[in-house]
Amino acid sequence: MFWGAFSYDSRTSMWAMHGDPESPRSNINATRIFECLQEQLPTICSPGSIFAQDNAPTHTAILVQRWLRNWAQENGIELVDWPPYSPDFNPIENVWKLLKEGICTRYPELGDLPKNEESKRQLIRATIECWEIMRDDIFENLVSSMERRLQAVIAVRGWYTKY
């Protein structure tokens, strides 16, 4: 699993999420998300920024939310209160799709590799590379589209949109 975020004119590093060896099944947990946010958010957020994330349990965990609310308040960042049963029109979903397409195009051989640590390292390198070479206008257009996305959802009262 990976984590990345972007704004109109910047993006974080692509963060390869490794499971927490201290968690029962070595899963990605709130501690890992907390560590990621602490390191990455200051690289793209400045006073007046708006930050949104979905309601994944690791994002809504008390550890994450407590830090995020305090950090946002101290730094003049607005947090989006993501509705619990919302359509998934978060623009990061578009980025994940484009990123996967880029990886498959540049590194088709990854699909045939065995599931082992070396293959995982190759996938991480490919993902980071494809993230870093994504065109800036992709991020600019997605951020610019947010008002239209929200208006479209409001217009159909929460039902399906083209987004």
C-alpha atoms as a PDB file:
ATOM      1  CA  MET A   1       0.000   0.000   0.000  1.00  0.00           C
ATOM      2  CA  PHE A   2       1.112   3.535  -0.743  1.00  0.00           C
ATOM      3  CA  TRP A   3       0.273   6.987   0.516  1.00  0.00           C
ATOM      4  CA  GLY A   4       0.592  10.237  -1.373  1.00  0.00           C
ATOM      5  CA  ALA A   5      -1.084  13.618  -1.339  1.00  0.00           C
ATOM      6  CA  PHE A   6      -1.071  16.671  -3.543  1.00  0.00           C
ATOM      7  CA  SER A   7      -2.160  20.252  -3.788  1.00  0.00           C
ATOM      8  CA  TYR A   8      -2.560  22.488  -6.802  1.00  0.00           C
ATOM      9  CA  ASP A   9       1.151  23.163  -7.105  1.00  0.00           C
ATOM     10  CA  SER A  10       2.942  20.523  -5.053  1.00  0.00           C
ATOM     11  CA  ARG A  11       2.888  16.919  -3.997  1.00  0.00           C
ATOM     12  CA  THR A  12       4.304  14.849  -1.188  1.00  0.00           C
ATOM     13  CA  SER A  13       6.775  12.078  -1.642  1.00  0.00           C
ATOM     14  CA  MET A  14       5.234   8.721  -2.459  1.00  0.00           C
ATOM     15  CA  TRP A  15       5.236   6.867   0.841  1.00  0.00           C
ATOM     16  CA  ALA A  16       5.431   3.069   0.767  1.00  0.00           C
ATOM     17  CA  MET A  17       3.319   1.948   3.703  1.00  0.00           C
ATOM     18  CA  HIS A  18       4.892  -0.939   5.562  1.00  0.00           C
ATOM     19  CA  GLY A  19       2.915  -2.861   8.127  1.00  0.00           C
ATOM     20  CA  ASP A  20       3.555  -2.290  11.790  1.00  0.00           C
ATOM     21  CA  PRO A  21       5.411  -5.330  13.148  1.00  0.00           C
ATOM     22  CA  GLU A  22       3.935  -4.578  16.578  1.00  0.00           C
ATOM     23  CA  SER A  23       0.335  -4.862  15.367  1.00  0.00           C
ATOM     24  CA  PRO A  24      -1.355  -8.290  15.627  1.00  0.00           C
ATOM     25  CA  ARG A  25      -1.106  -9.073  11.903  1.00  0.00           C
ATOM     26  CA  SER A  26       1.624  -6.583  10.978  1.00  0.00           C
ATOM     27  CA  ASN A  27      -1.020  -4.489   9.213  1.00  0.00           C
ATOM     28  CA  ILE A  28      -0.902  -0.854   8.327  1.00  0.00           C
ATOM     29  CA  ASN A  29      -2.452   0.822  11.306  1.00  0.00           C
ATOM     30  CA  ALA A  30      -3.103   4.269  12.724  1.00  0.00           C
ATOM     31  CA  THR A  31       0.477   4.481  13.997  1.00  0.00           C
ATOM     32  CA  ARG A  32       1.815   4.160  10.452  1.00  0.00           C
ATOM     33  CA  ILE A  33      -0.659   6.732   9.109  1.00  0.00           C
ATOM     34  CA  PHE A  34       0.231   9.064  11.988  1.00  0.00           C
ATOM     35  CA  GLU A  35       3.959   8.785  11.179  1.00  0.00           C
ATOM     36  CA  CYS A  36       3.285   9.379   7.507  1.00  0.00           C
ATOM     37  CA  LEU A  37       1.120  12.452   8.081  1.00  0.00           C
ATOM     38  CA  GLN A  38       3.629  13.973  10.497  1.00  0.00           C
ATOM     39  CA  GLU A  39       6.379  13.733   7.919  1.00  0.00           C
ATOM     40  CA  GLN A  40       4.488  14.448   4.729  1.00  0.00           C
ATOM     41  CA  LEU A  41       1.784  17.046   5.423  1.00  0.00           C
ATOM     42  CA  PRO A  42       4.167  19.897   6.246  1.00  0.00           C
ATOM     43  CA  THR A  43       5.670  19.493   2.769  1.00  0.00           C
ATOM     44  CA  ILE A  44       2.439  20.483   0.974  1.00  0.00           C
ATOM     45  CA  CYS A  45       0.293  22.379   3.475  1.00  0.00           C
ATOM     46  CA  SER A  46       0.627  26.025   4.375  1.00  0.00           C
ATOM     47  CA  PRO A  47      -1.700  28.449   6.136  1.00  0.00           C
ATOM     48  CA  GLY A  48      -4.980  28.531   4.231  1.00  0.00           C
ATOM     49  CA  SER A  49      -4.600  25.021   2.788  1.00  0.00           C
ATOM     50  CA  ILE A  50      -7.477  22.577   2.896  1.00  0.00           C
ATOM     51  CA  PHE A  51      -6.720  18.934   3.668  1.00  0.00           C
ATOM     52  CA  ALA A  52      -9.093  16.046   2.994  1.00  0.00           C
ATOM     53  CA  GLN A  53      -8.807  12.345   3.579  1.00  0.00           C
ATOM     54  CA  ASP A  54     -11.424   9.618   3.501  1.00  0.00           C
ATOM     55  CA  ASN A  55     -12.959   7.810   6.443  1.00  0.00           C
ATOM     56  CA  ALA A  56     -10.712   4.761   6.409  1.00  0.00           C
ATOM     57  CA  PRO A  57     -10.441   3.467   9.982  1.00  0.00           C
ATOM     58  CA  THR A  58      -6.724   4.249  10.077  1.00  0.00           C
ATOM     59  CA  HIS A  59      -7.520   7.881   9.159  1.00  0.00           C
ATOM     60  CA  THR A  60     -10.291   8.277  11.721  1.00  0.00           C
ATOM     61  CA  ALA A  61      -8.380   6.699  14.602  1.00  0.00           C
ATOM     62  CA  ILE A  62      -8.163   8.852  17.728  1.00  0.00           C
ATOM     63  CA  LEU A  63      -4.347   9.023  17.505  1.00  0.00           C
ATOM     64  CA  VAL A  64      -4.492  10.379  13.954  1.00  0.00           C
ATOM     65  CA  GLN A  65      -7.456  12.709  14.446  1.00  0.00           C
ATOM     66  CA  ARG A  66      -6.155  14.241  17.665  1.00  0.00           C
ATOM     67  CA  TRP A  67      -2.781  15.053  16.101  1.00  0.00           C
ATOM     68  CA  LEU A  68      -4.317  16.195  12.809  1.00  0.00           C
ATOM     69  CA  ARG A  69      -6.794  18.590  14.447  1.00  0.00           C
ATOM     70  CA  ASN A  70      -4.083  20.118  16.648  1.00  0.00           C
ATOM     71  CA  TRP A  71      -1.571  20.365  13.819  1.00  0.00           C
ATOM     72  CA  ALA A  72      -4.148  21.892  11.451  1.00  0.00           C
ATOM     73  CA  GLN A  73      -5.227  24.477  14.013  1.00  0.00           C
ATOM     74  CA  GLU A  74      -1.627  25.441  14.831  1.00  0.00           C
ATOM     75  CA  ASN A  75      -0.771  25.795  11.133  1.00  0.00           C
ATOM     76  CA  GLY A  76      -3.919  27.440   9.780  1.00  0.00           C
ATOM     77  CA  ILE A  77      -5.016  24.383   7.798  1.00  0.00           C
ATOM     78  CA  GLU A  78      -8.696  23.666   7.194  1.00  0.00           C
ATOM     79  CA  LEU A  79      -9.774  20.039   7.510  1.00  0.00           C
ATOM     80  CA  VAL A  80     -12.599  18.669   5.389  1.00  0.00           C
ATOM     81  CA  ASP A  81     -15.205  16.807   7.398  1.00  0.00           C
ATOM     82  CA  TRP A  82     -15.607  13.882   4.996  1.00  0.00           C
ATOM     83  CA  PRO A  83     -19.165  12.491   5.057  1.00  0.00           C
ATOM     84  CA  PRO A  84     -19.371   8.881   6.259  1.00  0.00           C
ATOM     85  CA  TYR A  85     -21.379   7.564   3.299  1.00  0.00           C
ATOM     86  CA  SER A  86     -20.149   9.756   0.498  1.00  0.00           C
ATOM     87  CA  PRO A  87     -19.470   8.985  -3.134  1.00  0.00           C
ATOM     88  CA  ASP A  88     -15.739   8.557  -3.617  1.00  0.00           C
ATOM     89  CA  PHE A  89     -15.005  11.667  -5.631  1.00  0.00           C
ATOM     90  CA  ASN A  90     -11.746  12.403  -3.866  1.00  0.00           C
ATOM     91  CA  PRO A  91      -9.352  13.335  -6.696  1.00  0.00           C
ATOM     92  CA  ILE A  92      -6.621  11.086  -5.276  1.00  0.00           C
ATOM     93  CA  GLU A  93      -8.632   8.163  -6.675  1.00  0.00           C
ATOM     94  CA  ASN A  94      -8.051   9.531 -10.179  1.00  0.00           C
ATOM     95  CA  VAL A  95      -4.350   9.805  -9.395  1.00  0.00           C
ATOM     96  CA  TRP A  96      -4.170   6.177  -8.182  1.00  0.00           C
ATOM     97  CA  LYS A  97      -5.748   5.042 -11.464  1.00  0.00           C
ATOM     98  CA  LEU A  98      -3.295   7.061 -13.569  1.00  0.00           C
ATOM     99  CA  LEU A  99      -0.393   5.899 -11.434  1.00  0.00           C
ATOM    100  CA  LYS A 100      -1.354   2.236 -11.901  1.00  0.00           C
ATOM    101  CA  GLU A 101      -1.675   2.764 -15.647  1.00  0.00           C
ATOM    102  CA  GLY A 102       1.760   4.392 -15.732  1.00  0.00           C
ATOM    103  CA  ILE A 103       3.333   1.516 -13.808  1.00  0.00           C
ATOM    104  CA  CYS A 104       1.728  -1.083 -16.079  1.00  0.00           C
ATOM    105  CA  THR A 105       2.901   0.789 -19.179  1.00  0.00           C
ATOM    106  CA  ARG A 106       6.487   1.404 -18.041  1.00  0.00           C
ATOM    107  CA  TYR A 107       6.969  -1.856 -16.145  1.00  0.00           C
ATOM    108  CA  PRO A 108       4.713  -4.567 -17.616  1.00  0.00           C
ATOM    109  CA  GLU A 109       7.063  -7.244 -16.318  1.00  0.00           C
ATOM    110  CA  LEU A 110       6.056  -6.464 -12.726  1.00  0.00           C
ATOM    111  CA  GLY A 111       2.810  -8.362 -13.237  1.00  0.00           C
ATOM    112  CA  ASP A 112       4.712 -11.600 -13.858  1.00  0.00           C
ATOM    113  CA  LEU A 113       7.152 -11.409 -10.959  1.00  0.00           C
ATOM    114  CA  PRO A 114       6.888 -13.822  -8.027  1.00  0.00           C
ATOM    115  CA  LYS A 115       5.484 -12.463  -4.772  1.00  0.00           C
ATOM    116  CA  ASN A 116       8.668 -11.935  -2.818  1.00  0.00           C
ATOM    117  CA  GLU A 117      10.658  -9.137  -1.206  1.00  0.00           C
ATOM    118  CA  GLU A 118      12.684  -8.318  -4.329  1.00  0.00           C
ATOM    119  CA  SER A 119       9.505  -7.965  -6.382  1.00  0.00           C
ATOM    120  CA  LYS A 120       8.071  -5.703  -3.686  1.00  0.00           C
ATOM    121  CA  ARG A 121      11.201  -3.518  -3.824  1.00  0.00           C
ATOM    122  CA  GLN A 122      10.883  -3.278  -7.620  1.00  0.00           C
ATOM    123  CA  LEU A 123       7.231  -2.278  -7.313  1.00  0.00           C
ATOM    124  CA  ILE A 124       8.087   0.392  -4.749  1.00  0.00           C
ATOM    125  CA  ARG A 125      10.817   1.830  -7.008  1.00  0.00           C
ATOM    126  CA  ALA A 126       8.473   1.794 -10.029  1.00  0.00           C
ATOM    127  CA  THR A 127       5.672   3.464  -8.071  1.00  0.00           C
ATOM    128  CA  ILE A 128       7.927   6.214  -6.747  1.00  0.00           C
ATOM    129  CA  GLU A 129       9.353   6.834 -10.209  1.00  0.00           C
ATOM    130  CA  CYS A 130       5.933   7.012 -11.874  1.00  0.00           C
ATOM    131  CA  TRP A 131       4.623   9.326  -9.132  1.00  0.00           C
ATOM    132  CA  GLU A 132       7.569  11.668  -9.569  1.00  0.00           C
ATOM    133  CA  ILE A 133       7.203  11.908 -13.353  1.00  0.00           C
ATOM    134  CA  MET A 134       3.444  12.544 -13.344  1.00  0.00           C
ATOM    135  CA  ARG A 135       2.729  15.807 -15.087  1.00  0.00           C
ATOM    136  CA  ASP A 136       1.950  18.764 -12.825  1.00  0.00           C
ATOM    137  CA  ASP A 137      -1.108  19.702 -14.895  1.00  0.00           C
ATOM    138  CA  ILE A 138      -2.804  16.460 -13.803  1.00  0.00           C
ATOM    139  CA  PHE A 139      -2.746  17.622 -10.195  1.00  0.00           C
ATOM    140  CA  GLU A 140      -3.693  21.200 -11.135  1.00  0.00           C
ATOM    141  CA  ASN A 141      -6.720  20.010 -13.130  1.00  0.00           C
ATOM    142  CA  LEU A 142      -7.896  17.681 -10.361  1.00  0.00           C
ATOM    143  CA  VAL A 143      -7.708  20.389  -7.712  1.00  0.00           C
ATOM    144  CA  SER A 144      -9.452  22.842 -10.051  1.00  0.00           C
ATOM    145  CA  SER A 145     -12.242  20.321 -10.612  1.00  0.00           C
ATOM    146  CA  MET A 146     -13.232  20.031  -6.939  1.00  0.00           C
ATOM    147  CA  GLU A 147     -15.873  22.749  -7.020  1.00  0.00           C
ATOM    148  CA  ARG A 148     -17.484  21.116 -10.080  1.00  0.00           C
ATOM    149  CA  ARG A 149     -17.312  17.705  -8.389  1.00  0.00           C
ATOM    150  CA  LEU A 150     -19.036  18.987  -5.273  1.00  0.00           C
ATOM    151  CA  GLN A 151     -21.696  20.848  -7.262  1.00  0.00           C
ATOM    152  CA  ALA A 152     -22.388  17.714  -9.312  1.00  0.00           C
ATOM    153  CA  VAL A 153     -22.946  15.634  -6.173  1.00  0.00           C
ATOM    154  CA  ILE A 154     -25.204  18.306  -4.689  1.00  0.00           C
ATOM    155  CA  ALA A 155     -27.192  18.536  -7.933  1.00  0.00           C
ATOM    156  CA  VAL A 156     -27.961  14.791  -7.922  1.00  0.00           C
ATOM    157  CA  ARG A 157     -28.491  14.720  -4.144  1.00  0.00           C
ATOM    158  CA  GLY A 158     -25.620  12.348  -3.495  1.00  0.00           C
ATOM    159  CA  TRP A 159     -26.308   9.935  -6.342  1.00  0.00           C
ATOM    160  CA  TYR A 160     -23.974   9.031  -9.183  1.00  0.00           C
ATOM    161  CA  THR A 161     -21.986  11.598 -11.127  1.00  0.00           C
ATOM    162  CA  LYS A 162     -19.443  11.367 -13.909  1.00  0.00           C
ATOM    163  CA  TYR A 163     -16.746  11.775 -11.291  1.00  0.00           C
END
